[in-house]
Amino acid sequence: MKWAVVALLFTTAWTTAWAQPDTLTTPQEVVGQLGRAHDQLLLITPGLYSKPVAEAVRRAAAERGVEVFIVVAPAWAEAPGSYVASLALVSGVQVRLAETTRRFVVVDVGDDAFVIAGGLVGETARRFDERPTYALAEPREVQTHAGMFTETWDAATPYRSFIDREDIP
């Protein structure tokens, strides 16, 4: 019985230590994490207004061949300052539209996967009332966020940029 208690305490301590998120305080820290992507980025955010993050996403797709899937809110996709329309033109980037307030990106899916969640995913600065942005490699969190992304992606509408639309002269 003693060994079971020790094993439980060790497992709980190890899991708790492993699951502690890294707090990201600048867009550059988010960019550094995105630079680790080698397979896939699953990005969901109401709008994408951070030039450093948008550029990191573009580099991942165009230079490293990372598959990029983005879900953004329809009203913000082509808003002034949004980088969504330009990213939709990059080979390897797919964009869909869905009403969302979530802000996270799943970086890769598999053994090296992790989640970045919080306002700095799509914005240039954290709002005063918002929780910090964090990176977390805990497998349950990765799986949960990947599931939320997939559910939203499957229900979303494919994005058509102003270049593809027939309703604009």
C-alpha atoms as a PDB file:
ATOM      1  CA  MET A   1       0.000   0.000   0.000  1.00  0.00           C
ATOM      2  CA  LYS A   2       2.872   2.344   0.817  1.00  0.00           C
ATOM      3  CA  TRP A   3       4.282   1.900  -2.688  1.00  0.00           C
ATOM      4  CA  ALA A   4       0.917   2.684  -4.243  1.00  0.00           C
ATOM      5  CA  VAL A   5       0.726   5.975  -2.318  1.00  0.00           C
ATOM      6  CA  VAL A   6       4.323   6.860  -3.246  1.00  0.00           C
ATOM      7  CA  ALA A   7       3.655   5.973  -6.895  1.00  0.00           C
ATOM      8  CA  LEU A   8       0.477   8.059  -6.909  1.00  0.00           C
ATOM      9  CA  LEU A   9       2.254  11.035  -5.343  1.00  0.00           C
ATOM     10  CA  PHE A  10       5.164  10.720  -7.782  1.00  0.00           C
ATOM     11  CA  THR A  11       2.817  10.422 -10.775  1.00  0.00           C
ATOM     12  CA  THR A  12       0.732  13.387  -9.622  1.00  0.00           C
ATOM     13  CA  ALA A  13       3.815  15.545  -8.998  1.00  0.00           C
ATOM     14  CA  TRP A  14       5.367  14.577 -12.337  1.00  0.00           C
ATOM     15  CA  THR A  15       2.131  15.212 -14.255  1.00  0.00           C
ATOM     16  CA  THR A  16       1.595  18.546 -12.498  1.00  0.00           C
ATOM     17  CA  ALA A  17       5.157  19.666 -13.210  1.00  0.00           C
ATOM     18  CA  TRP A  18       4.934  18.524 -16.823  1.00  0.00           C
ATOM     19  CA  ALA A  19       1.578  20.220 -17.377  1.00  0.00           C
ATOM     20  CA  GLN A  20       2.684  23.672 -16.214  1.00  0.00           C
ATOM     21  CA  PRO A  21       2.236  26.033 -19.151  1.00  0.00           C
ATOM     22  CA  ASP A  22       4.874  28.424 -20.413  1.00  0.00           C
ATOM     23  CA  THR A  23       3.476  31.966 -20.317  1.00  0.00           C
ATOM     24  CA  LEU A  24       4.080  33.925 -23.522  1.00  0.00           C
ATOM     25  CA  THR A  25       4.096  37.693 -23.097  1.00  0.00           C
ATOM     26  CA  THR A  26       4.983  39.006 -26.570  1.00  0.00           C
ATOM     27  CA  PRO A  27       4.075  38.179 -30.171  1.00  0.00           C
ATOM     28  CA  GLN A  28       7.751  37.344 -30.718  1.00  0.00           C
ATOM     29  CA  GLU A  29       7.495  34.545 -28.147  1.00  0.00           C
ATOM     30  CA  VAL A  30       4.468  33.181 -29.997  1.00  0.00           C
ATOM     31  CA  VAL A  31       6.431  33.415 -33.257  1.00  0.00           C
ATOM     32  CA  GLY A  32       9.288  31.464 -31.670  1.00  0.00           C
ATOM     33  CA  GLN A  33       6.890  28.679 -30.720  1.00  0.00           C
ATOM     34  CA  LEU A  34       5.291  28.654 -34.188  1.00  0.00           C
ATOM     35  CA  GLY A  35       8.780  28.286 -35.649  1.00  0.00           C
ATOM     36  CA  ARG A  36       8.904  24.806 -34.137  1.00  0.00           C
ATOM     37  CA  ALA A  37       6.073  23.537 -36.371  1.00  0.00           C
ATOM     38  CA  HIS A  38       7.089  20.849 -38.837  1.00  0.00           C
ATOM     39  CA  ASP A  39       3.809  19.133 -39.826  1.00  0.00           C
ATOM     40  CA  GLN A  40       0.656  21.095 -39.143  1.00  0.00           C
ATOM     41  CA  LEU A  41      -0.794  24.283 -37.648  1.00  0.00           C
ATOM     42  CA  LEU A  42      -4.460  24.334 -36.607  1.00  0.00           C
ATOM     43  CA  LEU A  43      -5.228  27.997 -35.918  1.00  0.00           C
ATOM     44  CA  ILE A  44      -8.538  29.352 -34.659  1.00  0.00           C
ATOM     45  CA  THR A  45      -9.055  33.015 -33.801  1.00  0.00           C
ATOM     46  CA  PRO A  46     -11.773  35.603 -34.412  1.00  0.00           C
ATOM     47  CA  GLY A  47      -9.310  37.730 -36.404  1.00  0.00           C
ATOM     48  CA  LEU A  48      -5.645  37.674 -37.311  1.00  0.00           C
ATOM     49  CA  TYR A  49      -4.115  41.122 -36.832  1.00  0.00           C
ATOM     50  CA  SER A  50      -0.623  40.289 -35.615  1.00  0.00           C
ATOM     51  CA  LYS A  51       1.876  40.810 -38.426  1.00  0.00           C
ATOM     52  CA  PRO A  52       4.623  38.772 -36.685  1.00  0.00           C
ATOM     53  CA  VAL A  53       2.252  35.828 -36.135  1.00  0.00           C
ATOM     54  CA  ALA A  54       0.867  36.051 -39.696  1.00  0.00           C
ATOM     55  CA  GLU A  55       4.422  36.097 -41.071  1.00  0.00           C
ATOM     56  CA  ALA A  56       5.361  33.055 -38.947  1.00  0.00           C
ATOM     57  CA  VAL A  57       2.326  31.207 -40.297  1.00  0.00           C
ATOM     58  CA  ARG A  58       3.261  32.180 -43.875  1.00  0.00           C
ATOM     59  CA  ARG A  59       6.867  31.005 -43.366  1.00  0.00           C
ATOM     60  CA  ALA A  60       5.690  27.704 -41.914  1.00  0.00           C
ATOM     61  CA  ALA A  61       3.580  26.975 -45.009  1.00  0.00           C
ATOM     62  CA  ALA A  62       5.712  28.518 -47.757  1.00  0.00           C
ATOM     63  CA  GLU A  63       9.215  27.720 -46.534  1.00  0.00           C
ATOM     64  CA  ARG A  64       8.840  24.572 -44.427  1.00  0.00           C
ATOM     65  CA  GLY A  65       5.836  22.893 -46.080  1.00  0.00           C
ATOM     66  CA  VAL A  66       3.726  22.902 -42.925  1.00  0.00           C
ATOM     67  CA  GLU A  67       0.011  22.339 -43.588  1.00  0.00           C
ATOM     68  CA  VAL A  68      -1.903  25.311 -42.182  1.00  0.00           C
ATOM     69  CA  PHE A  69      -5.615  25.287 -41.398  1.00  0.00           C
ATOM     70  CA  ILE A  70      -7.158  28.556 -40.182  1.00  0.00           C
ATOM     71  CA  VAL A  71     -10.657  29.267 -38.859  1.00  0.00           C
ATOM     72  CA  VAL A  72     -11.644  32.930 -38.412  1.00  0.00           C
ATOM     73  CA  ALA A  73     -14.869  34.809 -37.788  1.00  0.00           C
ATOM     74  CA  PRO A  74     -16.530  35.923 -41.051  1.00  0.00           C
ATOM     75  CA  ALA A  75     -16.885  39.563 -40.007  1.00  0.00           C
ATOM     76  CA  TRP A  76     -13.157  39.856 -39.324  1.00  0.00           C
ATOM     77  CA  ALA A  77     -11.713  37.877 -42.238  1.00  0.00           C
ATOM     78  CA  GLU A  78     -11.316  40.884 -44.537  1.00  0.00           C
ATOM     79  CA  ALA A  79     -11.475  43.660 -41.965  1.00  0.00           C
ATOM     80  CA  PRO A  80      -8.872  46.426 -42.230  1.00  0.00           C
ATOM     81  CA  GLY A  81      -5.594  45.207 -40.786  1.00  0.00           C
ATOM     82  CA  SER A  82      -6.483  41.504 -41.091  1.00  0.00           C
ATOM     83  CA  TYR A  83      -3.881  39.172 -42.580  1.00  0.00           C
ATOM     84  CA  VAL A  84      -6.369  36.419 -43.438  1.00  0.00           C
ATOM     85  CA  ALA A  85      -6.880  37.343 -47.119  1.00  0.00           C
ATOM     86  CA  SER A  86      -3.141  37.391 -47.804  1.00  0.00           C
ATOM     87  CA  LEU A  87      -2.549  34.101 -45.979  1.00  0.00           C
ATOM     88  CA  ALA A  88      -5.346  32.449 -47.984  1.00  0.00           C
ATOM     89  CA  LEU A  89      -3.245  33.034 -51.116  1.00  0.00           C
ATOM     90  CA  VAL A  90      -0.268  31.070 -49.744  1.00  0.00           C
ATOM     91  CA  SER A  91       0.125  27.507 -50.974  1.00  0.00           C
ATOM     92  CA  GLY A  92      -0.502  25.090 -48.121  1.00  0.00           C
ATOM     93  CA  VAL A  93      -2.867  27.417 -46.232  1.00  0.00           C
ATOM     94  CA  GLN A  94      -6.590  26.663 -46.056  1.00  0.00           C
ATOM     95  CA  VAL A  95      -9.044  29.093 -44.474  1.00  0.00           C
ATOM     96  CA  ARG A  96     -12.613  28.593 -43.317  1.00  0.00           C
ATOM     97  CA  LEU A  97     -15.112  30.925 -41.682  1.00  0.00           C
ATOM     98  CA  ALA A  98     -17.048  30.279 -38.474  1.00  0.00           C
ATOM     99  CA  GLU A  99     -18.294  32.379 -35.601  1.00  0.00           C
ATOM    100  CA  THR A 100     -15.722  31.926 -32.868  1.00  0.00           C
ATOM    101  CA  THR A 101     -14.264  33.640 -29.850  1.00  0.00           C
ATOM    102  CA  ARG A 102     -11.621  30.975 -29.275  1.00  0.00           C
ATOM    103  CA  ARG A 103      -7.962  31.867 -29.700  1.00  0.00           C
ATOM    104  CA  PHE A 104      -5.549  28.978 -29.969  1.00  0.00           C
ATOM    105  CA  VAL A 105      -3.245  27.099 -32.291  1.00  0.00           C
ATOM    106  CA  VAL A 106      -2.343  23.430 -32.154  1.00  0.00           C
ATOM    107  CA  VAL A 107       1.223  23.081 -33.373  1.00  0.00           C
ATOM    108  CA  ASP A 108       1.715  19.675 -35.009  1.00  0.00           C
ATOM    109  CA  VAL A 109      -0.311  16.647 -34.119  1.00  0.00           C
ATOM    110  CA  GLY A 110       1.559  13.724 -32.616  1.00  0.00           C
ATOM    111  CA  ASP A 111       4.401  13.201 -30.183  1.00  0.00           C
ATOM    112  CA  ASP A 112       5.822  16.740 -30.347  1.00  0.00           C
ATOM    113  CA  ALA A 113       2.475  18.541 -30.382  1.00  0.00           C
ATOM    114  CA  PHE A 114       1.628  21.498 -28.170  1.00  0.00           C
ATOM    115  CA  VAL A 115      -1.019  24.193 -27.848  1.00  0.00           C
ATOM    116  CA  ILE A 116      -0.618  27.962 -27.777  1.00  0.00           C
ATOM    117  CA  ALA A 117      -3.735  29.602 -26.365  1.00  0.00           C
ATOM    118  CA  GLY A 118      -4.630  33.198 -25.609  1.00  0.00           C
ATOM    119  CA  GLY A 119      -5.005  36.622 -27.163  1.00  0.00           C
ATOM    120  CA  LEU A 120      -1.500  36.872 -28.610  1.00  0.00           C
ATOM    121  CA  VAL A 121      -2.409  34.123 -31.098  1.00  0.00           C
ATOM    122  CA  GLY A 122      -4.198  36.669 -33.289  1.00  0.00           C
ATOM    123  CA  GLU A 123      -3.633  40.066 -31.705  1.00  0.00           C
ATOM    124  CA  THR A 124      -0.586  42.275 -31.276  1.00  0.00           C
ATOM    125  CA  ALA A 125      -1.130  42.839 -27.541  1.00  0.00           C
ATOM    126  CA  ARG A 126      -3.021  41.187 -24.715  1.00  0.00           C
ATOM    127  CA  ARG A 127      -6.129  43.009 -23.582  1.00  0.00           C
ATOM    128  CA  PHE A 128      -6.115  44.036 -19.921  1.00  0.00           C
ATOM    129  CA  ASP A 129      -9.016  41.723 -19.032  1.00  0.00           C
ATOM    130  CA  GLU A 130      -7.654  38.655 -20.762  1.00  0.00           C
ATOM    131  CA  ARG A 131      -5.822  35.670 -19.322  1.00  0.00           C
ATOM    132  CA  PRO A 132      -2.182  35.315 -20.383  1.00  0.00           C
ATOM    133  CA  THR A 133      -1.218  33.494 -23.554  1.00  0.00           C
ATOM    134  CA  TYR A 134       0.443  30.172 -22.823  1.00  0.00           C
ATOM    135  CA  ALA A 135       2.098  27.182 -24.501  1.00  0.00           C
ATOM    136  CA  LEU A 136       1.276  23.750 -23.140  1.00  0.00           C
ATOM    137  CA  ALA A 137       2.432  20.298 -24.292  1.00  0.00           C
ATOM    138  CA  GLU A 138       0.170  18.214 -22.048  1.00  0.00           C
ATOM    139  CA  PRO A 139      -1.329  15.500 -24.333  1.00  0.00           C
ATOM    140  CA  ARG A 140      -4.905  15.828 -23.018  1.00  0.00           C
ATOM    141  CA  GLU A 141      -4.856  19.585 -23.694  1.00  0.00           C
ATOM    142  CA  VAL A 142      -3.484  19.016 -27.200  1.00  0.00           C
ATOM    143  CA  GLN A 143      -6.138  16.379 -27.900  1.00  0.00           C
ATOM    144  CA  THR A 144      -8.941  18.555 -26.490  1.00  0.00           C
ATOM    145  CA  HIS A 145      -7.891  21.603 -28.524  1.00  0.00           C
ATOM    146  CA  ALA A 146      -7.392  19.527 -31.696  1.00  0.00           C
ATOM    147  CA  GLY A 147     -10.906  18.126 -31.201  1.00  0.00           C
ATOM    148  CA  MET A 148     -12.400  21.608 -30.722  1.00  0.00           C
ATOM    149  CA  PHE A 149     -10.612  22.777 -33.868  1.00  0.00           C
ATOM    150  CA  THR A 150     -11.801  19.802 -35.928  1.00  0.00           C
ATOM    151  CA  GLU A 151     -15.392  20.243 -34.780  1.00  0.00           C
ATOM    152  CA  THR A 152     -15.317  23.939 -35.717  1.00  0.00           C
ATOM    153  CA  TRP A 153     -13.487  23.287 -39.013  1.00  0.00           C
ATOM    154  CA  ASP A 154     -16.011  20.661 -40.097  1.00  0.00           C
ATOM    155  CA  ALA A 155     -18.924  23.060 -39.510  1.00  0.00           C
ATOM    156  CA  ALA A 156     -17.176  26.081 -41.070  1.00  0.00           C
ATOM    157  CA  THR A 157     -17.700  27.620 -44.507  1.00  0.00           C
ATOM    158  CA  PRO A 158     -14.791  27.639 -46.986  1.00  0.00           C
ATOM    159  CA  TYR A 159     -13.275  31.102 -47.338  1.00  0.00           C
ATOM    160  CA  ARG A 160     -13.371  32.745 -50.740  1.00  0.00           C
ATOM    161  CA  SER A 161     -11.158  35.774 -51.044  1.00  0.00           C
ATOM    162  CA  PHE A 162     -12.245  38.833 -52.971  1.00  0.00           C
ATOM    163  CA  ILE A 163     -10.169  37.484 -55.888  1.00  0.00           C
ATOM    164  CA  ASP A 164     -12.340  34.345 -56.150  1.00  0.00           C
ATOM    165  CA  ARG A 165     -15.722  35.932 -55.623  1.00  0.00           C
ATOM    166  CA  GLU A 166     -17.992  36.680 -58.547  1.00  0.00           C
ATOM    167  CA  ASP A 167     -20.110  39.214 -56.631  1.00  0.00           C
ATOM    168  CA  ILE A 168     -17.311  41.792 -56.718  1.00  0.00           C
ATOM    169  CA  PRO A 169     -16.752  43.560 -60.070  1.00  0.00           C
END
